[in-house]
Amino acid sequence: MASTFKIVIKHTNDVIRKSSMPSSSMTKSGQIHQESAQLAHYGIPLSTTKQAAKAALLEAYESEQGLIVPQHILQCEERLRAQYRAKEARLLEEEEERWRKQCQQEEKQRVKRKRQEDDLIAEIEEANASKKKHKGEPVMAPVI
């Protein structure tokens, strides 16, 4: 699965508000770190100044090859992606197991409540039947 991806960078004229940017990226050292990180990402030798870093990035971008992510970074990304998928699958299985147990507990509680309701209804019906049975009978005097 060894393949090389060509990264196409498009420039936009979007305005980014100062408040939406992290404060560290507004400092000069933060800006040179961003360029340095891009140089390192694409395997371009690092520069000490921001202008040199920008020039190196622009030169690589405008070259015939364009900016190509090195193979070792692509392999690292694929390894991390596989680790993420494995952990995500394990977490999903654990969540499904918790859900299944919760459903079983709820079903047991539902059955128990239904049994209690049925017992109570039977008791009430038995009491009502007993009252009706005694209501229509004549009162008998005790035998002496």
N, C-alpha and C. Protein backbone atom coordinates (compact mmCIF):
# COMPACT_ATOMS: atom_id res chain seq x y z
N MET A 1 0.82 -1.18 0.00
CA MET A 1 0.00 0.00 0.00
C MET A 1 0.87 1.25 0.00
N ALA A 2 2.05 1.13 -0.56
CA ALA A 2 2.96 2.26 -0.61
C ALA A 2 2.54 3.17 -1.76
N SER A 3 2.04 4.31 -1.42
CA SER A 3 1.63 5.28 -2.43
C SER A 3 2.02 6.67 -1.95
N THR A 4 2.15 7.56 -2.89
CA THR A 4 2.54 8.92 -2.57
C THR A 4 1.37 9.83 -2.93
N PHE A 5 1.05 10.73 -2.03
CA PHE A 5 -0.02 11.67 -2.27
C PHE A 5 0.56 13.03 -2.58
N LYS A 6 0.02 13.69 -3.59
CA LYS A 6 0.44 15.05 -3.90
C LYS A 6 -0.56 15.97 -3.21
N ILE A 7 -0.05 16.88 -2.41
CA ILE A 7 -0.88 17.80 -1.67
C ILE A 7 -1.03 19.08 -2.50
N VAL A 8 -2.25 19.47 -2.73
CA VAL A 8 -2.53 20.70 -3.45
C VAL A 8 -2.94 21.74 -2.42
N ILE A 9 -2.22 22.83 -2.39
CA ILE A 9 -2.52 23.90 -1.45
C ILE A 9 -3.14 25.04 -2.23
N LYS A 10 -4.30 25.47 -1.80
CA LYS A 10 -4.97 26.59 -2.45
C LYS A 10 -4.96 27.77 -1.50
N HIS A 11 -4.67 28.91 -2.03
CA HIS A 11 -4.64 30.11 -1.21
C HIS A 11 -6.01 30.77 -1.26
N THR A 12 -6.46 31.26 -0.12
CA THR A 12 -7.73 31.97 -0.07
C THR A 12 -7.50 33.34 0.53
N ASN A 13 -8.41 34.20 0.31
CA ASN A 13 -8.32 35.55 0.86
C ASN A 13 -9.27 35.71 2.03
N ASP A 14 -9.56 34.61 2.72
CA ASP A 14 -10.45 34.66 3.87
C ASP A 14 -9.83 35.51 4.97
N VAL A 15 -10.66 36.26 5.63
CA VAL A 15 -10.21 37.08 6.74
C VAL A 15 -10.41 36.28 8.01
N ILE A 16 -9.36 36.16 8.79
CA ILE A 16 -9.44 35.46 10.06
C ILE A 16 -9.33 36.50 11.16
N ARG A 17 -10.33 36.51 12.02
CA ARG A 17 -10.32 37.48 13.11
C ARG A 17 -9.25 37.13 14.11
N LYS A 18 -8.67 38.15 14.67
CA LYS A 18 -7.60 37.96 15.63
C LYS A 18 -8.08 37.15 16.84
N SER A 19 -9.31 37.34 17.27
CA SER A 19 -9.82 36.66 18.46
C SER A 19 -10.01 35.16 18.22
N SER A 20 -10.18 34.74 16.95
CA SER A 20 -10.38 33.32 16.68
C SER A 20 -9.07 32.56 16.55
N MET A 21 -7.96 33.27 16.51
CA MET A 21 -6.66 32.63 16.38
C MET A 21 -6.08 32.40 17.76
N PRO A 22 -5.38 31.29 17.95
CA PRO A 22 -4.70 31.09 19.22
C PRO A 22 -3.65 32.16 19.43
N SER A 23 -3.47 32.60 20.66
CA SER A 23 -2.55 33.69 20.92
C SER A 23 -1.12 33.33 20.56
N SER A 24 -0.73 32.05 20.69
CA SER A 24 0.65 31.67 20.38
C SER A 24 0.96 31.83 18.90
N SER A 25 -0.05 31.68 18.02
CA SER A 25 0.22 31.81 16.59
C SER A 25 0.35 33.27 16.18
N MET A 26 -0.01 34.20 17.05
CA MET A 26 0.10 35.61 16.72
C MET A 26 1.51 36.15 17.00
N THR A 27 2.27 35.41 17.76
CA THR A 27 3.63 35.86 18.05
C THR A 27 4.54 35.50 16.90
N LYS A 28 5.66 36.19 16.80
CA LYS A 28 6.60 35.91 15.71
C LYS A 28 7.17 34.50 15.84
N SER A 29 7.45 34.07 17.06
CA SER A 29 7.99 32.73 17.24
C SER A 29 6.95 31.68 16.86
N GLY A 30 5.68 31.97 17.14
CA GLY A 30 4.62 31.05 16.76
C GLY A 30 4.51 30.92 15.25
N GLN A 31 4.72 32.03 14.54
CA GLN A 31 4.63 31.99 13.09
C GLN A 31 5.80 31.22 12.48
N ILE A 32 6.99 31.40 12.99
CA ILE A 32 8.13 30.66 12.45
C ILE A 32 7.98 29.18 12.78
N HIS A 33 7.37 28.86 13.92
CA HIS A 33 7.15 27.45 14.25
C HIS A 33 6.19 26.80 13.24
N GLN A 34 5.20 27.55 12.80
CA GLN A 34 4.26 27.00 11.83
C GLN A 34 4.97 26.67 10.52
N GLU A 35 5.79 27.59 10.03
CA GLU A 35 6.53 27.35 8.80
C GLU A 35 7.51 26.20 8.99
N SER A 36 8.17 26.16 10.15
CA SER A 36 9.13 25.09 10.42
C SER A 36 8.44 23.73 10.45
N ALA A 37 7.25 23.70 11.02
CA ALA A 37 6.49 22.45 11.08
C ALA A 37 6.12 21.99 9.67
N GLN A 38 5.74 22.92 8.81
CA GLN A 38 5.42 22.55 7.43
C GLN A 38 6.65 22.04 6.70
N LEU A 39 7.80 22.70 6.90
CA LEU A 39 9.03 22.24 6.28
C LEU A 39 9.36 20.82 6.74
N ALA A 40 9.26 20.57 8.04
CA ALA A 40 9.56 19.25 8.57
C ALA A 40 8.57 18.22 8.03
N HIS A 41 7.30 18.60 7.93
CA HIS A 41 6.27 17.68 7.45
C HIS A 41 6.57 17.22 6.02
N TYR A 42 6.98 18.13 5.16
CA TYR A 42 7.23 17.79 3.77
C TYR A 42 8.67 17.35 3.53
N GLY A 43 9.49 17.25 4.57
CA GLY A 43 10.86 16.77 4.42
C GLY A 43 11.79 17.78 3.76
N ILE A 44 11.48 19.06 3.91
CA ILE A 44 12.31 20.13 3.35
C ILE A 44 13.25 20.59 4.46
N PRO A 45 14.54 20.85 4.13
CA PRO A 45 15.47 21.32 5.17
C PRO A 45 14.94 22.57 5.88
N LEU A 46 15.12 22.62 7.19
CA LEU A 46 14.60 23.72 8.00
C LEU A 46 15.35 25.02 7.75
N SER A 47 14.63 26.12 7.90
CA SER A 47 15.20 27.46 7.75
C SER A 47 15.16 28.16 9.10
N THR A 48 15.99 29.17 9.26
CA THR A 48 16.04 29.88 10.54
C THR A 48 15.13 31.09 10.57
N THR A 49 14.77 31.62 9.42
CA THR A 49 13.89 32.80 9.40
C THR A 49 12.57 32.45 8.72
N LYS A 50 11.60 33.27 9.01
CA LYS A 50 10.28 33.05 8.45
C LYS A 50 10.29 33.23 6.93
N GLN A 51 10.98 34.25 6.45
CA GLN A 51 11.02 34.52 5.00
C GLN A 51 11.70 33.37 4.26
N ALA A 52 12.79 32.85 4.81
CA ALA A 52 13.48 31.72 4.17
C ALA A 52 12.59 30.48 4.17
N ALA A 53 11.86 30.28 5.25
CA ALA A 53 10.96 29.13 5.34
C ALA A 53 9.84 29.25 4.31
N LYS A 54 9.26 30.46 4.21
CA LYS A 54 8.20 30.68 3.23
C LYS A 54 8.72 30.47 1.81
N ALA A 55 9.91 30.96 1.55
CA ALA A 55 10.50 30.82 0.22
C ALA A 55 10.73 29.35 -0.11
N ALA A 56 11.22 28.58 0.87
CA ALA A 56 11.46 27.16 0.63
C ALA A 56 10.14 26.43 0.36
N LEU A 57 9.10 26.76 1.12
CA LEU A 57 7.79 26.14 0.90
C LEU A 57 7.22 26.50 -0.47
N LEU A 58 7.33 27.77 -0.82
CA LEU A 58 6.81 28.22 -2.11
C LEU A 58 7.56 27.58 -3.26
N GLU A 59 8.88 27.47 -3.12
CA GLU A 59 9.69 26.83 -4.16
C GLU A 59 9.28 25.36 -4.33
N ALA A 60 9.09 24.66 -3.22
CA ALA A 60 8.67 23.25 -3.30
C ALA A 60 7.27 23.14 -3.89
N TYR A 61 6.41 24.05 -3.54
CA TYR A 61 5.03 24.03 -4.04
C TYR A 61 5.00 24.25 -5.55
N GLU A 62 5.81 25.17 -6.03
CA GLU A 62 5.80 25.51 -7.45
C GLU A 62 6.64 24.57 -8.29
N SER A 63 7.38 23.67 -7.65
CA SER A 63 8.20 22.72 -8.41
C SER A 63 7.29 21.75 -9.15
N GLU A 64 7.87 20.98 -10.04
CA GLU A 64 7.11 20.04 -10.84
C GLU A 64 6.44 18.97 -9.98
N GLN A 65 7.11 18.53 -8.94
CA GLN A 65 6.55 17.50 -8.06
C GLN A 65 5.48 18.05 -7.13
N GLY A 66 5.59 19.28 -6.74
CA GLY A 66 4.68 19.84 -5.75
C GLY A 66 5.12 19.42 -4.36
N LEU A 67 4.28 19.64 -3.39
CA LEU A 67 4.58 19.24 -2.02
C LEU A 67 4.15 17.79 -1.83
N ILE A 68 5.10 16.93 -1.57
CA ILE A 68 4.81 15.50 -1.42
C ILE A 68 5.10 15.10 0.02
N VAL A 69 4.12 14.48 0.64
CA VAL A 69 4.29 14.01 2.01
C VAL A 69 5.23 12.80 1.97
N PRO A 70 6.29 12.82 2.78
CA PRO A 70 7.23 11.69 2.79
C PRO A 70 6.54 10.38 3.20
N GLN A 71 7.08 9.28 2.70
CA GLN A 71 6.50 7.97 2.92
C GLN A 71 6.44 7.60 4.40
N HIS A 72 7.47 7.96 5.18
CA HIS A 72 7.46 7.58 6.59
C HIS A 72 6.33 8.29 7.36
N ILE A 73 5.94 9.46 6.92
CA ILE A 73 4.82 10.16 7.55
C ILE A 73 3.51 9.50 7.16
N LEU A 74 3.38 9.10 5.90
CA LEU A 74 2.18 8.40 5.46
C LEU A 74 2.02 7.07 6.20
N GLN A 75 3.15 6.36 6.42
CA GLN A 75 3.10 5.10 7.16
C GLN A 75 2.70 5.35 8.62
N CYS A 76 3.24 6.41 9.20
CA CYS A 76 2.89 6.76 10.58
C CYS A 76 1.40 7.09 10.68
N GLU A 77 0.89 7.86 9.72
CA GLU A 77 -0.54 8.20 9.71
C GLU A 77 -1.39 6.94 9.58
N GLU A 78 -0.98 6.01 8.71
CA GLU A 78 -1.75 4.77 8.53
C GLU A 78 -1.73 3.93 9.79
N ARG A 79 -0.57 3.85 10.47
CA ARG A 79 -0.47 3.09 11.71
C ARG A 79 -1.38 3.71 12.78
N LEU A 80 -1.36 5.04 12.89
CA LEU A 80 -2.22 5.72 13.86
C LEU A 80 -3.69 5.53 13.53
N ARG A 81 -4.02 5.56 12.24
CA ARG A 81 -5.40 5.36 11.81
C ARG A 81 -5.87 3.95 12.19
N ALA A 82 -4.99 2.95 12.00
CA ALA A 82 -5.34 1.57 12.36
C ALA A 82 -5.53 1.43 13.87
N GLN A 83 -4.66 2.07 14.64
CA GLN A 83 -4.80 2.04 16.10
C GLN A 83 -6.12 2.68 16.52
N TYR A 84 -6.45 3.79 15.90
CA TYR A 84 -7.70 4.49 16.22
C TYR A 84 -8.90 3.61 15.91
N ARG A 85 -8.89 2.97 14.72
CA ARG A 85 -10.01 2.10 14.34
C ARG A 85 -10.16 0.94 15.32
N ALA A 86 -9.02 0.35 15.74
CA ALA A 86 -9.08 -0.77 16.68
C ALA A 86 -9.66 -0.33 18.02
N LYS A 87 -9.21 0.81 18.50
CA LYS A 87 -9.72 1.31 19.78
C LYS A 87 -11.20 1.68 19.66
N GLU A 88 -11.56 2.30 18.55
CA GLU A 88 -12.96 2.67 18.34
C GLU A 88 -13.86 1.43 18.31
N ALA A 89 -13.39 0.36 17.64
CA ALA A 89 -14.17 -0.88 17.57
C ALA A 89 -14.32 -1.49 18.97
N ARG A 90 -13.24 -1.47 19.76
CA ARG A 90 -13.30 -2.02 21.11
C ARG A 90 -14.28 -1.21 21.97
N LEU A 91 -14.22 0.11 21.86
CA LEU A 91 -15.13 0.96 22.63
C LEU A 91 -16.59 0.74 22.21
N LEU A 92 -16.82 0.55 20.92
CA LEU A 92 -18.18 0.28 20.45
C LEU A 92 -18.70 -1.05 21.00
N GLU A 93 -17.83 -2.07 21.02
CA GLU A 93 -18.23 -3.36 21.59
C GLU A 93 -18.57 -3.22 23.07
N GLU A 94 -17.74 -2.48 23.81
CA GLU A 94 -18.00 -2.27 25.23
C GLU A 94 -19.32 -1.52 25.44
N GLU A 95 -19.57 -0.53 24.62
CA GLU A 95 -20.81 0.25 24.72
C GLU A 95 -22.02 -0.63 24.41
N GLU A 96 -21.90 -1.48 23.39
CA GLU A 96 -23.00 -2.39 23.05
C GLU A 96 -23.26 -3.36 24.20
N GLU A 97 -22.20 -3.86 24.83
CA GLU A 97 -22.36 -4.78 25.95
C GLU A 97 -23.05 -4.09 27.13
N ARG A 98 -22.64 -2.83 27.42
CA ARG A 98 -23.31 -2.07 28.49
C ARG A 98 -24.78 -1.86 28.16
N TRP A 99 -25.07 -1.53 26.92
CA TRP A 99 -26.46 -1.31 26.49
C TRP A 99 -27.27 -2.59 26.62
N ARG A 100 -26.68 -3.72 26.19
CA ARG A 100 -27.37 -5.01 26.28
C ARG A 100 -27.69 -5.35 27.73
N LYS A 101 -26.73 -5.16 28.64
CA LYS A 101 -26.96 -5.44 30.06
C LYS A 101 -28.05 -4.53 30.62
N GLN A 102 -28.02 -3.26 30.25
CA GLN A 102 -29.04 -2.32 30.72
C GLN A 102 -30.42 -2.75 30.22
N CYS A 103 -30.51 -3.16 28.96
CA CYS A 103 -31.80 -3.62 28.42
C CYS A 103 -32.29 -4.86 29.16
N GLN A 104 -31.38 -5.78 29.49
CA GLN A 104 -31.77 -6.98 30.23
C GLN A 104 -32.29 -6.62 31.62
N GLN A 105 -31.60 -5.70 32.29
CA GLN A 105 -32.06 -5.27 33.62
C GLN A 105 -33.43 -4.61 33.55
N GLU A 106 -33.61 -3.75 32.56
CA GLU A 106 -34.90 -3.08 32.40
C GLU A 106 -36.00 -4.10 32.11
N GLU A 107 -35.70 -5.13 31.31
CA GLU A 107 -36.69 -6.16 31.00
C GLU A 107 -37.05 -6.94 32.26
N LYS A 108 -36.05 -7.29 33.08
CA LYS A 108 -36.32 -7.99 34.34
C LYS A 108 -37.21 -7.15 35.24
N GLN A 109 -36.93 -5.85 35.33
CA GLN A 109 -37.74 -4.96 36.16
C GLN A 109 -39.16 -4.86 35.61
N ARG A 110 -39.28 -4.80 34.29
CA ARG A 110 -40.61 -4.72 33.67
C ARG A 110 -41.41 -5.98 33.97
N VAL A 111 -40.78 -7.15 33.85
CA VAL A 111 -41.46 -8.41 34.13
C VAL A 111 -41.87 -8.47 35.60
N LYS A 112 -40.99 -8.04 36.49
CA LYS A 112 -41.30 -8.05 37.93
C LYS A 112 -42.49 -7.14 38.23
N ARG A 113 -42.48 -5.92 37.67
CA ARG A 113 -43.60 -4.99 37.88
C ARG A 113 -44.90 -5.57 37.32
N LYS A 114 -44.83 -6.21 36.16
CA LYS A 114 -46.02 -6.80 35.54
C LYS A 114 -46.58 -7.91 36.43
N ARG A 115 -45.68 -8.75 36.99
CA ARG A 115 -46.11 -9.82 37.89
C ARG A 115 -46.78 -9.24 39.13
N GLN A 116 -46.20 -8.19 39.69
CA GLN A 116 -46.78 -7.54 40.88
C GLN A 116 -48.15 -6.96 40.55
N GLU A 117 -48.27 -6.31 39.39
CA GLU A 117 -49.55 -5.75 38.97
C GLU A 117 -50.60 -6.84 38.79
N ASP A 118 -50.18 -7.94 38.15
CA ASP A 118 -51.11 -9.06 37.93
C ASP A 118 -51.56 -9.66 39.26
N ASP A 119 -50.63 -9.81 40.21
CA ASP A 119 -50.97 -10.33 41.53
C ASP A 119 -51.95 -9.40 42.25
N LEU A 120 -51.71 -8.10 42.16
CA LEU A 120 -52.59 -7.13 42.81
C LEU A 120 -53.98 -7.15 42.17
N ILE A 121 -54.04 -7.23 40.86
CA ILE A 121 -55.33 -7.29 40.16
C ILE A 121 -56.08 -8.55 40.56
N ALA A 122 -55.39 -9.69 40.61
CA ALA A 122 -56.04 -10.95 41.00
C ALA A 122 -56.56 -10.86 42.44
N GLU A 123 -55.79 -10.25 43.31
CA GLU A 123 -56.21 -10.09 44.71
C GLU A 123 -57.45 -9.22 44.81
N ILE A 124 -57.47 -8.12 44.04
CA ILE A 124 -58.63 -7.21 44.05
C ILE A 124 -59.84 -7.92 43.48
N GLU A 125 -59.68 -8.65 42.37
CA GLU A 125 -60.81 -9.37 41.76
C GLU A 125 -61.34 -10.44 42.71
N GLU A 126 -60.47 -11.12 43.41
CA GLU A 126 -60.87 -12.14 44.37
C GLU A 126 -61.66 -11.51 45.52
N ALA A 127 -61.22 -10.36 45.98
CA ALA A 127 -61.93 -9.66 47.07
C ALA A 127 -63.29 -9.21 46.59
N ASN A 128 -63.38 -8.68 45.37
CA ASN A 128 -64.67 -8.25 44.82
C ASN A 128 -65.61 -9.43 44.63
N ALA A 129 -65.09 -10.55 44.15
CA ALA A 129 -65.92 -11.74 43.95
C ALA A 129 -66.43 -12.25 45.29
N SER A 130 -65.60 -12.18 46.29
CA SER A 130 -65.99 -12.63 47.63
C SER A 130 -67.11 -11.74 48.18
N LYS A 131 -67.03 -10.44 47.96
CA LYS A 131 -68.06 -9.51 48.43
C LYS A 131 -69.38 -9.77 47.73
N LYS A 132 -69.34 -10.01 46.43
CA LYS A 132 -70.56 -10.27 45.66
C LYS A 132 -71.21 -11.57 46.12
N LYS A 133 -70.41 -12.54 46.42
CA LYS A 133 -70.92 -13.85 46.83
C LYS A 133 -71.67 -13.74 48.15
N HIS A 134 -71.15 -13.01 49.06
CA HIS A 134 -71.77 -12.87 50.38
C HIS A 134 -72.92 -11.86 50.38
N LYS A 135 -72.97 -10.99 49.43
CA LYS A 135 -73.98 -9.95 49.40
C LYS A 135 -75.38 -10.54 49.15
N GLY A 136 -75.52 -11.52 48.30
CA GLY A 136 -76.83 -12.05 47.94
C GLY A 136 -77.32 -13.15 48.87
N GLU A 137 -76.54 -13.66 49.77
CA GLU A 137 -76.97 -14.76 50.65
C GLU A 137 -77.77 -14.23 51.81
N PRO A 138 -78.79 -15.00 52.24
CA PRO A 138 -79.55 -14.59 53.43
C PRO A 138 -78.69 -14.80 54.68
N VAL A 139 -78.97 -13.97 55.63
CA VAL A 139 -78.22 -14.08 56.88
C VAL A 139 -78.82 -15.22 57.67
N MET A 140 -78.01 -16.12 58.09
CA MET A 140 -78.47 -17.31 58.83
C MET A 140 -78.25 -17.06 60.31
N ALA A 141 -79.23 -17.47 61.06
CA ALA A 141 -79.10 -17.38 62.51
C ALA A 141 -78.27 -18.53 62.99
N PRO A 142 -77.53 -18.32 64.01
CA PRO A 142 -76.74 -19.42 64.51
C PRO A 142 -77.62 -20.53 65.08
N VAL A 143 -77.21 -21.74 64.92
CA VAL A 143 -77.97 -22.89 65.41
C VAL A 143 -77.55 -23.13 66.86
N ILE A 144 -78.64 -23.30 67.72
CA ILE A 144 -78.35 -23.50 69.14
C ILE A 144 -78.62 -24.93 69.51
